Amino acid sequence: MHIQLGFSGPAGSGVNTAGMLLAELLASKGYTIRADKEYASIIKGDNNNFFLSISDDGSILLPKKVDIFLTFDDYSVTKNQEIYDLQNIVNIKSVAAKHKNTFAFWVALRMLNISLEEGKSIIQTFMKEKYREENFIELENGYTYGQEQCNDLCTLVHYAQKIWPAKPLMFGNELVAKGAIQSGLEFYSAYPMTPASSISDVILEDPSVTYYQGEDEIAVAMSMLGARFAGKRAMCGTSWGGFALMTESISFAHQAEIWGVYILSQRDGPSTGTPTFTAQGDLAYAMNASFWETSPIVMAPSTFEEAYSMMGQALNWSDRYQHPLIILLDKQLSEGYLTINQKKLTLPKIDRGEIATGGGEDTYLRYKDTKSWISPYAIPGTENTLFIATSYEHEESWTTNENPLIKDQQMQKRFRKRLTFTAQEFAEDFVAYEVINPHVENFFVTRGINRYNIESLIKKKPDRGLIIIKVFHPFSFHLPEFFKNHENQIKKLIFIEMNYEGQMERVVRQECNLTTPERNKKISHHRKYTLYPIFIEELEQYVK
């Protein structure tokens, strides 16, 4: 069974608290929970939502249909009826309760047939002692009110039973931060920017990582490169407005071959746009993130577990190839919650690349033109390895030089690292993309959070396939081969993404030679750019 339940009220009314209490309780009972926040950019007023998608069969959905909608005022109904399919609305605006959010929590417990004792236990676990008693006052009244509101839905939903062992409930940015920390992260810099800000909250809890909040994103990015120059594993995070300020650092990182991992959590734009809502509009910018030819590595996780595992891969790649790397997230992945399959939380062995040991009599050449085009990196203080990281064109040593032959040598060195990358990383067993149901005729193509809804659809309709792109630059040569080898088999490709121009589609078309008239006939798309994620109901038309 699958249902979606939502809490809704003015910003500041505590809808997140109600939602998280219920999410943690259901996760402790073994249910699959995907929780999602939608909120206005103002601090108080307007309307905030917290949705819980609950299943007992492991399905993970972002649906438009809301089976139970617990609202604190009339505006919550008026606003959300235009966006969601609200089925059972329970409006507690007239209830005389000091804490309407916990009152709504008790109502939800009764409607889901969960005992008062379990609700009280979760309050004791997650709420500070000084707040518990006054919230317990709402307990009986809320539970009784929930009984009065029950209709046929209450007889259909039986979530009182514990069906599996407890599952950890984690949010996307938490997995990003913990994946990086457990992969040897030593320095993180950021300036708060939704929806990347909560990465800092997690990192600040770990004393093994030095945290720096700069005065702006220019200082953030350059401090990360400074830490990397000093030999530390370094990362920074932001959203697109802040990332725009960081892009000059990417050009410097490319030239000086000092590197780091940039977390770019996408939100809606352009300009300030609607900054607390979702989009996937930064791919084109990330792939060309700076002036001239800079070509950072660009990756995009498609599951919460990948957000964790990909951090180990990202830090390794950045160190190994001495190159800036961008991780593209989207809001629903950054700020959403999911019950996690811990078996999928895997990390590669830490690889810091080739580090110069010093001590020899040979002159150290920081930018030596090696067979792999990657030069051993020296940590400052290493004997006989003096060098300067320069933004100017330079000789193999680091000395500034404007000789055209030197320019040619160093340009080729910087760009040919990509050949080493693709040769070493895009082996047959490496997944820069994923194909589900490879032998069918009709495929969805997507990235990021869209994966969950599409994957749920094709489980019920196995004559549809799914291609998920996870590495956009360098682009894997295996995917063009897949399209070429399945030319006669594939009848339809439907690109699913959250931007206006179809940025992912454009990349895949170009890289996979899908621009001929005959191949164009096979391609269609579904694009959404109106603040909210792509709901599963919007995709059902493609599997009928």
Protein backbone atom coordinates (compact mmCIF):
# COMPACT_ATOMS: atom_id res chain seq x y z
CA MET A 1 0.00 0.00 0.00
CA HIS A 2 1.08 3.57 -0.64
CA ILE A 3 -0.39 6.80 0.72
CA GLN A 4 0.77 10.40 0.97
CA LEU A 5 0.08 12.53 4.02
CA GLY A 6 0.76 16.25 4.28
CA PHE A 7 1.00 18.84 7.05
CA SER A 8 0.42 22.44 5.95
CA GLY A 9 0.39 25.82 7.66
CA PRO A 10 1.99 29.27 7.82
CA ALA A 11 5.77 29.50 7.89
CA GLY A 12 6.85 29.31 11.51
CA SER A 13 3.90 27.15 12.63
CA GLY A 14 5.96 23.98 12.95
CA VAL A 15 4.73 21.80 10.09
CA ASN A 16 8.23 20.32 9.74
CA THR A 17 8.19 19.20 13.38
CA ALA A 18 4.88 17.38 12.94
CA GLY A 19 6.10 15.78 9.73
CA MET A 20 9.46 14.69 11.13
CA LEU A 21 7.91 13.14 14.24
CA LEU A 22 5.61 11.03 12.09
CA ALA A 23 8.38 10.21 9.60
CA GLU A 24 10.71 9.00 12.37
CA LEU A 25 7.94 6.92 13.94
CA LEU A 26 7.02 5.19 10.68
CA ALA A 27 10.69 4.66 9.80
CA SER A 28 11.16 2.95 13.17
CA LYS A 29 8.38 0.55 12.18
CA GLY A 30 10.13 -0.39 8.95
CA TYR A 31 8.08 1.53 6.39
CA THR A 32 9.63 3.21 3.37
CA ILE A 33 9.32 6.95 3.85
CA ARG A 34 10.13 9.72 1.42
CA ALA A 35 9.58 13.13 3.01
CA ASP A 36 9.64 16.43 1.19
CA LYS A 37 9.45 20.08 2.22
CA GLU A 38 7.87 22.85 0.17
CA TYR A 39 8.16 26.32 1.63
CA ALA A 40 7.96 30.00 0.74
CA SER A 41 11.06 32.18 0.89
CA ILE A 42 9.69 34.44 3.66
CA ILE A 43 10.37 33.63 7.32
CA LYS A 44 6.79 33.90 8.63
CA GLY A 45 3.41 33.73 6.94
CA ASP A 46 2.55 32.47 3.46
CA ASN A 47 2.45 28.64 3.45
CA ASN A 48 4.78 25.72 4.19
CA ASN A 49 4.19 22.01 3.57
CA PHE A 50 5.74 18.79 4.78
CA PHE A 51 4.72 15.70 2.80
CA LEU A 52 5.27 12.05 3.71
CA SER A 53 5.07 9.41 1.02
CA ILE A 54 4.52 6.14 2.93
CA SER A 55 4.73 2.63 1.51
CA ASP A 56 4.93 -0.93 2.77
CA ASP A 57 6.30 -2.33 -0.52
CA GLY A 58 9.49 -0.28 -0.87
CA SER A 59 8.14 2.06 -3.55
CA ILE A 60 9.52 5.63 -3.54
CA LEU A 61 7.21 8.19 -5.14
CA LEU A 62 6.70 11.91 -5.59
CA PRO A 63 2.93 11.97 -6.17
CA LYS A 64 0.50 14.80 -6.78
CA LYS A 65 -2.25 13.00 -4.89
CA VAL A 66 -2.36 13.73 -1.13
CA ASP A 67 -4.52 11.17 0.68
CA ILE A 68 -4.62 13.00 4.03
CA PHE A 69 -4.01 16.75 4.21
CA LEU A 70 -3.78 18.18 7.73
CA THR A 71 -3.96 21.96 7.49
CA PHE A 72 -3.73 24.74 10.06
CA ASP A 73 -5.62 27.43 8.08
CA ASP A 74 -7.80 28.06 5.03
CA TYR A 75 -5.04 29.56 2.90
CA SER A 76 -3.14 26.26 3.00
CA VAL A 77 -6.11 24.64 1.29
CA THR A 78 -6.65 27.44 -1.23
CA LYS A 79 -3.01 27.55 -2.30
CA ASN A 80 -2.34 23.83 -2.45
CA GLN A 81 -5.54 22.83 -4.24
CA GLU A 82 -4.07 24.49 -7.32
CA ILE A 83 -0.99 22.26 -7.16
CA TYR A 84 -1.93 18.97 -5.48
CA ASP A 85 -4.86 16.57 -5.61
CA LEU A 86 -6.09 16.93 -2.01
CA GLN A 87 -8.31 13.98 -1.08
CA ASN A 88 -9.11 14.11 2.65
CA ILE A 89 -8.70 17.59 4.12
CA VAL A 90 -8.62 17.96 7.89
CA ASN A 91 -8.59 21.65 8.80
CA ILE A 92 -7.75 22.29 12.47
CA LYS A 93 -7.83 26.09 12.25
CA SER A 94 -10.59 26.37 14.89
CA VAL A 95 -9.08 23.91 17.34
CA ALA A 96 -8.07 25.45 20.67
CA ALA A 97 -4.58 24.00 20.83
CA LYS A 98 -1.42 25.77 21.97
CA HIS A 99 0.77 23.62 19.69
CA LYS A 100 -1.19 22.91 16.54
CA ASN A 101 1.70 21.07 14.95
CA THR A 102 1.84 18.41 17.68
CA PHE A 103 -1.96 18.39 17.82
CA ALA A 104 -1.92 17.59 14.08
CA PHE A 105 0.65 14.88 14.77
CA TRP A 106 -1.74 13.17 17.21
CA VAL A 107 -4.58 13.48 14.68
CA ALA A 108 -2.41 11.77 12.08
CA LEU A 109 -1.56 8.96 14.51
CA ARG A 110 -5.22 8.13 14.99
CA MET A 111 -5.96 8.31 11.28
CA LEU A 112 -3.11 5.87 10.66
CA ASN A 113 -4.23 3.59 13.52
CA ILE A 114 -1.02 4.11 15.52
CA SER A 115 -1.24 3.95 19.31
CA LEU A 116 -0.87 6.88 21.67
CA GLU A 117 1.95 5.07 23.45
CA GLU A 118 4.07 4.95 20.28
CA GLY A 119 3.44 8.64 19.64
CA LYS A 120 4.43 9.53 23.17
CA SER A 121 7.58 7.45 22.85
CA ILE A 122 8.70 9.30 19.71
CA ILE A 123 8.05 12.66 21.44
CA GLN A 124 10.28 11.58 24.32
CA THR A 125 13.02 10.54 21.90
CA PHE A 126 13.13 13.60 19.66
CA MET A 127 11.79 16.49 21.75
CA LYS A 128 13.70 18.26 24.52
CA GLU A 129 12.42 17.47 28.01
CA LYS A 130 11.32 21.04 28.77
CA TYR A 131 8.88 20.93 25.84
CA ARG A 132 7.46 17.44 26.36
CA GLU A 133 4.81 17.98 29.03
CA GLU A 134 3.09 20.90 27.36
CA ASN A 135 2.98 18.91 24.14
CA PHE A 136 1.54 15.90 25.92
CA ILE A 137 -1.39 18.12 26.90
CA GLU A 138 -2.47 18.02 23.24
CA LEU A 139 -2.24 14.23 23.18
CA GLU A 140 -5.72 13.05 24.20
CA ASN A 141 -7.51 15.91 22.44
CA GLY A 142 -5.67 15.37 19.18
CA TYR A 143 -6.19 11.64 19.23
CA THR A 144 -9.89 12.05 19.97
CA TYR A 145 -10.21 14.64 17.21
CA GLY A 146 -8.54 12.22 14.81
CA GLN A 147 -11.10 9.57 15.73
CA GLU A 148 -13.90 11.99 14.90
CA GLN A 149 -12.32 12.78 11.53
CA CYS A 150 -11.88 9.17 10.52
CA ASN A 151 -13.73 8.01 7.44
CA ASP A 152 -13.28 5.03 5.16
CA LEU A 153 -9.58 5.86 4.86
CA CYS A 154 -8.98 4.88 8.49
CA THR A 155 -10.26 1.39 7.81
CA LEU A 156 -7.94 1.03 4.81
CA VAL A 157 -4.73 2.16 6.48
CA HIS A 158 -3.14 -0.18 9.02
CA TYR A 159 0.21 1.27 9.92
CA ALA A 160 0.08 0.12 13.55
CA GLN A 161 1.95 -3.06 12.66
CA LYS A 162 5.74 -3.15 12.74
CA ILE A 163 6.60 -4.84 9.45
CA TRP A 164 10.42 -4.69 9.24
CA PRO A 165 13.41 -3.64 11.30
CA ALA A 166 13.78 0.11 11.74
CA LYS A 167 15.25 2.05 8.83
CA PRO A 168 17.44 5.14 9.20
CA LEU A 169 15.75 8.32 7.96
CA MET A 170 18.31 10.69 6.43
CA PHE A 171 18.21 13.81 4.27
CA GLY A 172 20.18 14.26 1.06
CA ASN A 173 22.62 16.93 2.22
CA GLU A 174 23.33 14.82 5.30
CA LEU A 175 24.38 11.95 3.05
CA VAL A 176 26.53 14.27 0.93
CA ALA A 177 28.31 15.59 4.03
CA LYS A 178 28.79 12.18 5.67
CA GLY A 179 29.97 10.58 2.44
CA ALA A 180 32.60 13.29 2.11
CA ILE A 181 33.66 13.14 5.76
CA GLN A 182 34.05 9.37 5.65
CA SER A 183 36.06 9.76 2.44
CA GLY A 184 38.69 11.85 4.20
CA LEU A 185 37.31 15.39 3.85
CA GLU A 186 39.49 17.80 5.84
CA PHE A 187 38.22 21.26 4.87
CA TYR A 188 34.78 22.61 3.94
CA SER A 189 33.85 26.18 3.12
CA ALA A 190 30.46 27.70 2.44
CA TYR A 191 28.29 30.77 2.64
CA PRO A 192 24.66 29.89 3.51
CA MET A 193 22.51 29.47 0.42
CA THR A 194 19.36 27.41 0.00
CA PRO A 195 19.21 24.47 -0.66
CA ALA A 196 22.88 23.69 0.07
CA SER A 197 23.04 25.29 3.53
CA SER A 198 22.30 22.19 5.60
CA ILE A 199 25.52 20.53 4.41
CA SER A 200 27.26 22.95 6.77
CA ASP A 201 25.03 21.90 9.68
CA VAL A 202 26.21 18.30 9.36
CA ILE A 203 29.88 19.13 8.81
CA LEU A 204 29.94 21.47 11.81
CA GLU A 205 29.12 18.48 14.03
CA ASP A 206 32.36 16.72 13.04
CA PRO A 207 35.55 18.13 14.59
CA SER A 208 37.74 16.29 12.07
CA VAL A 209 36.77 18.81 9.35
CA THR A 210 37.90 22.44 9.39
CA TYR A 211 34.91 24.63 8.53
CA TYR A 212 35.17 28.14 7.11
CA GLN A 213 32.25 30.46 6.39
CA GLY A 214 33.55 33.16 4.09
CA GLU A 215 32.15 36.64 3.65
CA ASP A 216 31.01 35.67 0.17
CA GLU A 217 31.28 32.81 -2.28
CA ILE A 218 34.47 34.18 -3.86
CA ALA A 219 36.20 33.84 -0.49
CA VAL A 220 34.59 30.43 -0.03
CA ALA A 221 35.93 29.01 -3.30
CA MET A 222 39.40 30.51 -2.97
CA SER A 223 39.77 29.32 0.62
CA MET A 224 38.92 25.81 -0.58
CA LEU A 225 41.69 26.03 -3.18
CA GLY A 226 44.03 27.37 -0.52
CA ALA A 227 43.31 24.37 1.67
CA ARG A 228 43.86 22.08 -1.31
CA PHE A 229 47.19 23.80 -2.04
CA ALA A 230 48.17 23.00 1.56
CA GLY A 231 47.47 19.32 0.90
CA LYS A 232 44.00 19.00 2.45
CA ARG A 233 41.00 17.23 0.93
CA ALA A 234 38.70 20.18 0.33
CA MET A 235 35.15 20.90 -0.76
CA CYS A 236 32.75 23.85 -0.91
CA GLY A 237 29.00 24.13 -1.40
CA THR A 238 26.43 26.59 -2.68
CA SER A 239 23.50 27.10 -5.01
CA TRP A 240 23.59 28.80 -8.38
CA GLY A 241 23.74 32.49 -7.37
CA GLY A 242 26.72 31.75 -5.16
CA PHE A 243 28.18 29.40 -7.73
CA ALA A 244 28.25 32.26 -10.25
CA LEU A 245 30.71 34.02 -7.94
CA MET A 246 32.82 30.88 -7.64
CA THR A 247 33.40 30.32 -11.33
CA GLU A 248 36.56 32.42 -11.65
CA SER A 249 38.12 30.08 -9.10
CA ILE A 250 37.39 27.18 -11.48
CA SER A 251 39.39 28.86 -14.23
CA PHE A 252 42.25 29.40 -11.79
CA ALA A 253 41.99 25.80 -10.57
CA HIS A 254 42.19 24.56 -14.16
CA GLN A 255 45.28 26.65 -14.96
CA ALA A 256 47.12 26.13 -11.67
CA GLU A 257 46.05 22.48 -11.43
CA ILE A 258 44.84 22.99 -7.90
CA TRP A 259 41.47 21.39 -7.44
CA GLY A 260 38.48 20.80 -5.22
CA VAL A 261 34.90 19.56 -5.22
CA TYR A 262 32.11 22.08 -5.75
CA ILE A 263 28.61 21.11 -4.55
CA LEU A 264 26.00 22.89 -6.68
CA SER A 265 22.49 22.30 -5.33
CA GLN A 266 20.09 23.60 -7.96
CA ARG A 267 17.06 25.79 -7.35
CA ASP A 268 14.65 27.77 -9.48
CA GLY A 269 15.66 30.97 -11.28
CA PRO A 270 16.73 33.00 -13.16
CA SER A 271 18.24 35.76 -11.03
CA THR A 272 16.84 35.43 -7.49
CA GLY A 273 13.85 33.73 -9.08
CA THR A 274 11.85 31.67 -6.60
CA PRO A 275 14.77 30.57 -4.44
CA THR A 276 13.14 27.92 -2.25
CA PHE A 277 11.72 25.87 -5.13
CA THR A 278 13.17 23.22 -7.38
CA ALA A 279 14.64 23.07 -10.89
CA GLN A 280 17.37 21.39 -12.92
CA GLY A 281 18.55 24.38 -14.90
CA ASP A 282 22.27 24.55 -14.08
CA LEU A 283 23.68 21.71 -16.16
CA ALA A 284 24.73 23.89 -19.12
CA TYR A 285 26.40 26.38 -16.79
CA ALA A 286 28.17 23.68 -14.77
CA MET A 287 29.64 22.14 -17.91
CA ASN A 288 30.99 25.55 -18.98
CA ALA A 289 31.60 27.02 -15.57
CA SER A 290 34.03 29.86 -16.16
CA PHE A 291 35.57 31.88 -18.94
CA TRP A 292 37.62 30.34 -21.73
CA GLU A 293 38.00 26.55 -21.92
CA THR A 294 37.91 25.02 -18.45
CA SER A 295 35.86 21.78 -18.67
CA PRO A 296 35.33 20.66 -15.05
CA ILE A 297 34.26 17.10 -14.28
CA VAL A 298 30.45 17.14 -13.77
CA MET A 299 28.55 14.42 -11.86
CA ALA A 300 24.90 14.07 -10.75
CA PRO A 301 23.63 11.46 -8.25
CA SER A 302 20.18 10.01 -8.93
CA THR A 303 19.44 8.45 -5.53
CA PHE A 304 20.01 9.37 -1.90
CA GLU A 305 22.46 6.50 -1.52
CA GLU A 306 24.39 7.69 -4.59
CA ALA A 307 24.64 11.15 -3.02
CA TYR A 308 26.67 9.43 -0.30
CA SER A 309 28.74 7.07 -2.44
CA MET A 310 29.44 9.60 -5.18
CA MET A 311 31.25 11.85 -2.72
CA GLY A 312 34.00 9.28 -2.30
CA GLN A 313 34.30 8.94 -6.06
CA ALA A 314 34.28 12.72 -6.53
CA LEU A 315 37.05 13.38 -4.01
CA ASN A 316 39.14 10.57 -5.49
CA TRP A 317 38.70 11.80 -9.05
CA SER A 318 39.48 15.39 -8.13
CA ASP A 319 42.69 14.29 -6.37
CA ARG A 320 43.69 11.72 -8.97
CA TYR A 321 43.30 14.00 -11.97
CA GLN A 322 44.10 17.29 -10.19
CA HIS A 323 40.97 18.84 -11.64
CA PRO A 324 37.94 20.80 -10.40
CA LEU A 325 34.81 18.69 -10.05
CA ILE A 326 31.15 19.72 -9.71
CA ILE A 327 28.41 17.65 -8.05
CA LEU A 328 24.94 18.63 -9.31
CA LEU A 329 22.12 18.10 -6.81
CA ASP A 330 18.51 19.26 -6.97
CA LYS A 331 16.36 20.61 -4.15
CA GLN A 332 14.29 17.47 -3.61
CA LEU A 333 17.49 15.47 -3.23
CA SER A 334 19.28 18.04 -1.03
CA GLU A 335 16.44 18.74 1.38
CA GLY A 336 14.29 15.63 1.05
CA TYR A 337 14.35 12.72 3.49
CA LEU A 338 14.37 9.01 2.74
CA THR A 339 14.57 5.75 4.68
CA ILE A 340 17.98 4.52 3.56
CA ASN A 341 19.15 1.11 2.44
CA GLN A 342 22.41 1.01 4.40
CA LYS A 343 23.80 -1.80 2.24
CA LYS A 344 23.97 0.72 -0.61
CA LEU A 345 26.03 3.20 1.42
CA THR A 346 29.38 2.19 0.01
CA LEU A 347 32.54 4.21 -0.55
CA PRO A 348 35.60 3.54 -2.70
CA LYS A 349 39.02 3.28 -1.12
CA ILE A 350 40.58 6.71 -0.61
CA ASP A 351 42.95 7.63 -3.45
CA ARG A 352 44.78 10.95 -3.10
CA GLY A 353 46.55 10.69 -6.44
CA GLU A 354 50.27 10.89 -7.09
CA ILE A 355 52.07 12.89 -4.40
CA ALA A 356 55.72 13.89 -4.70
CA THR A 357 57.82 12.58 -1.82
CA GLY A 358 60.83 14.87 -2.36
CA GLY A 359 64.28 14.19 -1.00
CA GLY A 360 65.92 13.51 -4.36
CA GLU A 361 68.53 15.60 -6.14
CA ASP A 362 66.48 16.10 -9.31
CA THR A 363 64.79 19.42 -9.80
CA TYR A 364 61.10 19.18 -8.94
CA LEU A 365 58.82 20.11 -11.84
CA ARG A 366 55.31 20.75 -10.59
CA TYR A 367 53.87 20.85 -14.12
CA LYS A 368 56.02 18.14 -15.64
CA ASP A 369 54.67 16.82 -18.94
CA THR A 370 54.33 13.13 -18.04
CA LYS A 371 53.02 10.20 -20.07
CA SER A 372 49.64 10.43 -18.26
CA TRP A 373 49.70 14.27 -18.41
CA ILE A 374 49.31 14.28 -14.62
CA SER A 375 52.23 15.61 -12.60
CA PRO A 376 53.12 14.51 -9.05
CA TYR A 377 51.75 17.02 -6.57
CA ALA A 378 53.90 18.28 -3.71
CA ILE A 379 52.47 19.25 -0.34
CA PRO A 380 54.14 22.48 0.90
CA GLY A 381 57.03 21.69 3.18
CA THR A 382 58.11 18.59 1.30
CA GLU A 383 61.88 18.67 0.81
CA ASN A 384 63.14 19.89 -2.58
CA THR A 385 59.67 20.52 -4.01
CA LEU A 386 59.30 24.29 -4.02
CA PHE A 387 56.66 25.57 -6.46
CA ILE A 388 54.23 28.43 -6.95
CA ALA A 389 50.63 27.82 -8.02
CA THR A 390 50.19 30.44 -10.68
CA SER A 391 47.25 31.72 -12.72
CA TYR A 392 49.69 32.69 -15.50
CA GLU A 393 50.85 30.35 -18.21
CA HIS A 394 53.97 28.62 -16.94
CA GLU A 395 56.83 26.31 -17.70
CA GLU A 396 57.00 22.82 -16.24
CA SER A 397 58.63 24.30 -13.14
CA TRP A 398 55.97 27.02 -12.48
CA THR A 399 57.87 30.02 -13.87
CA THR A 400 55.73 32.40 -15.93
CA ASN A 401 56.37 31.98 -19.66
CA GLU A 402 54.65 33.36 -22.77
CA ASN A 403 56.54 31.28 -25.32
CA PRO A 404 54.03 29.74 -27.81
CA LEU A 405 55.72 26.34 -27.64
CA ILE A 406 55.38 26.30 -23.85
CA LYS A 407 51.76 27.41 -24.22
CA ASP A 408 51.09 24.54 -26.61
CA GLN A 409 52.75 22.02 -24.31
CA GLN A 410 50.86 23.07 -21.17
CA MET A 411 47.51 23.45 -22.94
CA GLN A 412 47.76 19.95 -24.30
CA LYS A 413 48.85 18.64 -20.91
CA ARG A 414 45.81 20.13 -19.15
CA PHE A 415 43.30 18.92 -21.71
CA ARG A 416 44.79 15.51 -22.38
CA LYS A 417 44.25 14.56 -18.76
CA ARG A 418 40.71 13.88 -19.95
CA LEU A 419 42.03 11.08 -22.16
CA THR A 420 43.65 9.50 -19.12
CA PHE A 421 40.42 9.96 -17.21
CA THR A 422 38.22 8.26 -19.80
CA ALA A 423 40.72 5.44 -20.37
CA GLN A 424 41.03 4.68 -16.67
CA GLU A 425 37.54 5.44 -15.36
CA PHE A 426 35.17 4.50 -18.17
CA ALA A 427 36.06 0.85 -18.03
CA GLU A 428 33.41 -1.71 -18.91
CA ASP A 429 32.37 -2.16 -15.29
CA PHE A 430 32.11 1.56 -14.49
CA VAL A 431 28.65 3.09 -14.56
CA ALA A 432 28.69 6.70 -15.77
CA TYR A 433 25.09 6.05 -16.64
CA GLU A 434 22.62 3.28 -15.85
CA VAL A 435 20.23 1.41 -18.11
CA ILE A 436 17.19 -0.37 -16.67
CA ASN A 437 15.43 -2.83 -19.01
CA PRO A 438 18.00 -2.50 -21.84
CA HIS A 439 16.18 -4.75 -24.31
CA VAL A 440 12.91 -2.80 -24.68
CA GLU A 441 11.93 -0.40 -27.48
CA ASN A 442 10.87 2.70 -25.52
CA PHE A 443 13.12 4.51 -23.03
CA PHE A 444 12.90 7.38 -20.60
CA VAL A 445 16.13 9.38 -20.22
CA THR A 446 16.62 11.42 -17.05
CA ARG A 447 18.88 12.51 -14.18
CA GLY A 448 18.59 13.33 -10.49
CA ILE A 449 15.46 12.94 -8.38
CA ASN A 450 13.23 12.21 -11.42
CA ARG A 451 14.58 8.67 -11.34
CA TYR A 452 12.32 7.53 -8.50
CA ASN A 453 8.96 8.16 -10.16
CA ILE A 454 10.04 6.74 -13.51
CA GLU A 455 11.53 3.64 -11.92
CA SER A 456 8.26 3.04 -10.04
CA LEU A 457 6.31 3.32 -13.30
CA ILE A 458 8.43 0.90 -15.28
CA LYS A 459 8.29 -1.70 -12.51
CA LYS A 460 4.60 -1.93 -13.36
CA LYS A 461 5.24 -1.54 -17.07
CA PRO A 462 8.39 -3.56 -17.85
CA ASP A 463 8.13 -2.88 -21.59
CA ARG A 464 9.57 0.58 -20.84
CA GLY A 465 13.23 1.25 -20.09
CA LEU A 466 15.13 3.96 -18.24
CA ILE A 467 18.52 5.56 -18.91
CA ILE A 468 19.95 7.63 -16.04
CA ILE A 469 22.90 9.93 -16.78
CA LYS A 470 25.28 10.33 -13.83
CA VAL A 471 28.48 11.75 -15.36
CA PHE A 472 28.06 14.56 -17.90
CA HIS A 473 31.68 15.54 -18.41
CA PRO A 474 33.75 13.86 -19.58
CA PHE A 475 30.91 12.03 -21.31
CA SER A 476 31.19 8.25 -21.36
CA PHE A 477 31.96 6.80 -24.78
CA HIS A 478 29.92 3.71 -23.81
CA LEU A 479 26.54 5.43 -24.07
CA PRO A 480 27.01 6.47 -27.73
CA GLU A 481 28.00 2.85 -28.35
CA PHE A 482 24.81 1.68 -26.62
CA PHE A 483 22.64 3.84 -28.88
CA LYS A 484 24.55 2.74 -31.96
CA ASN A 485 24.28 -0.95 -31.07
CA HIS A 486 20.55 -0.63 -30.33
CA GLU A 487 19.73 1.63 -33.29
CA ASN A 488 17.11 -0.69 -34.79
CA GLN A 489 15.70 -1.75 -31.43
CA ILE A 490 14.98 1.71 -29.98
CA LYS A 491 11.71 3.23 -31.19
CA LYS A 492 11.26 6.08 -28.72
CA LEU A 493 13.34 8.21 -26.32
CA ILE A 494 11.51 10.49 -23.86
CA PHE A 495 13.75 12.99 -22.05
CA ILE A 496 12.47 13.96 -18.58
CA GLU A 497 13.97 17.04 -16.91
CA MET A 498 13.13 20.19 -14.95
CA ASN A 499 14.22 23.08 -17.16
CA TYR A 500 12.81 24.96 -20.16
CA GLU A 501 15.38 24.32 -22.90
CA GLY A 502 16.13 20.65 -22.33
CA GLN A 503 19.76 20.98 -21.26
CA MET A 504 20.29 17.28 -20.61
CA GLU A 505 18.61 16.36 -23.88
CA ARG A 506 20.90 18.74 -25.75
CA VAL A 507 24.02 17.16 -24.22
CA VAL A 508 22.91 13.58 -24.90
CA ARG A 509 21.82 14.39 -28.46
CA GLN A 510 25.19 15.94 -29.23
CA GLU A 511 27.38 13.37 -27.50
CA CYS A 512 25.44 10.37 -28.81
CA ASN A 513 24.89 11.64 -32.37
CA LEU A 514 21.09 11.70 -32.03
CA THR A 515 20.65 14.73 -34.28
CA THR A 516 19.95 13.09 -37.64
CA PRO A 517 16.39 13.46 -39.04
CA GLU A 518 15.70 9.76 -38.59
CA ARG A 519 16.83 9.77 -34.97
CA ASN A 520 14.99 13.02 -34.28
CA LYS A 521 11.71 11.25 -35.04
CA LYS A 522 12.30 8.94 -32.08
CA ILE A 523 12.79 11.75 -29.55
CA SER A 524 10.22 13.57 -27.43
CA HIS A 525 10.42 15.18 -24.01
CA HIS A 526 8.59 16.17 -20.84
CA ARG A 527 9.94 19.35 -19.26
CA LYS A 528 8.70 21.07 -16.12
CA TYR A 529 9.83 24.49 -14.90
CA THR A 530 6.96 25.61 -12.66
CA LEU A 531 8.51 25.35 -9.17
CA TYR A 532 7.41 21.85 -8.18
CA PRO A 533 8.94 18.44 -8.93
CA ILE A 534 7.63 16.23 -11.72
CA PHE A 535 4.80 14.23 -10.15
CA ILE A 536 4.30 10.58 -11.01
CA GLU A 537 0.79 11.32 -12.31
CA GLU A 538 2.30 13.61 -14.96
CA LEU A 539 4.32 10.70 -16.33
CA GLU A 540 1.62 8.05 -16.38
CA GLN A 541 0.51 9.16 -19.86
CA TYR A 542 3.75 7.71 -21.26
CA VAL A 543 3.12 4.17 -20.02
CA LYS A 544 -0.50 3.72 -21.12
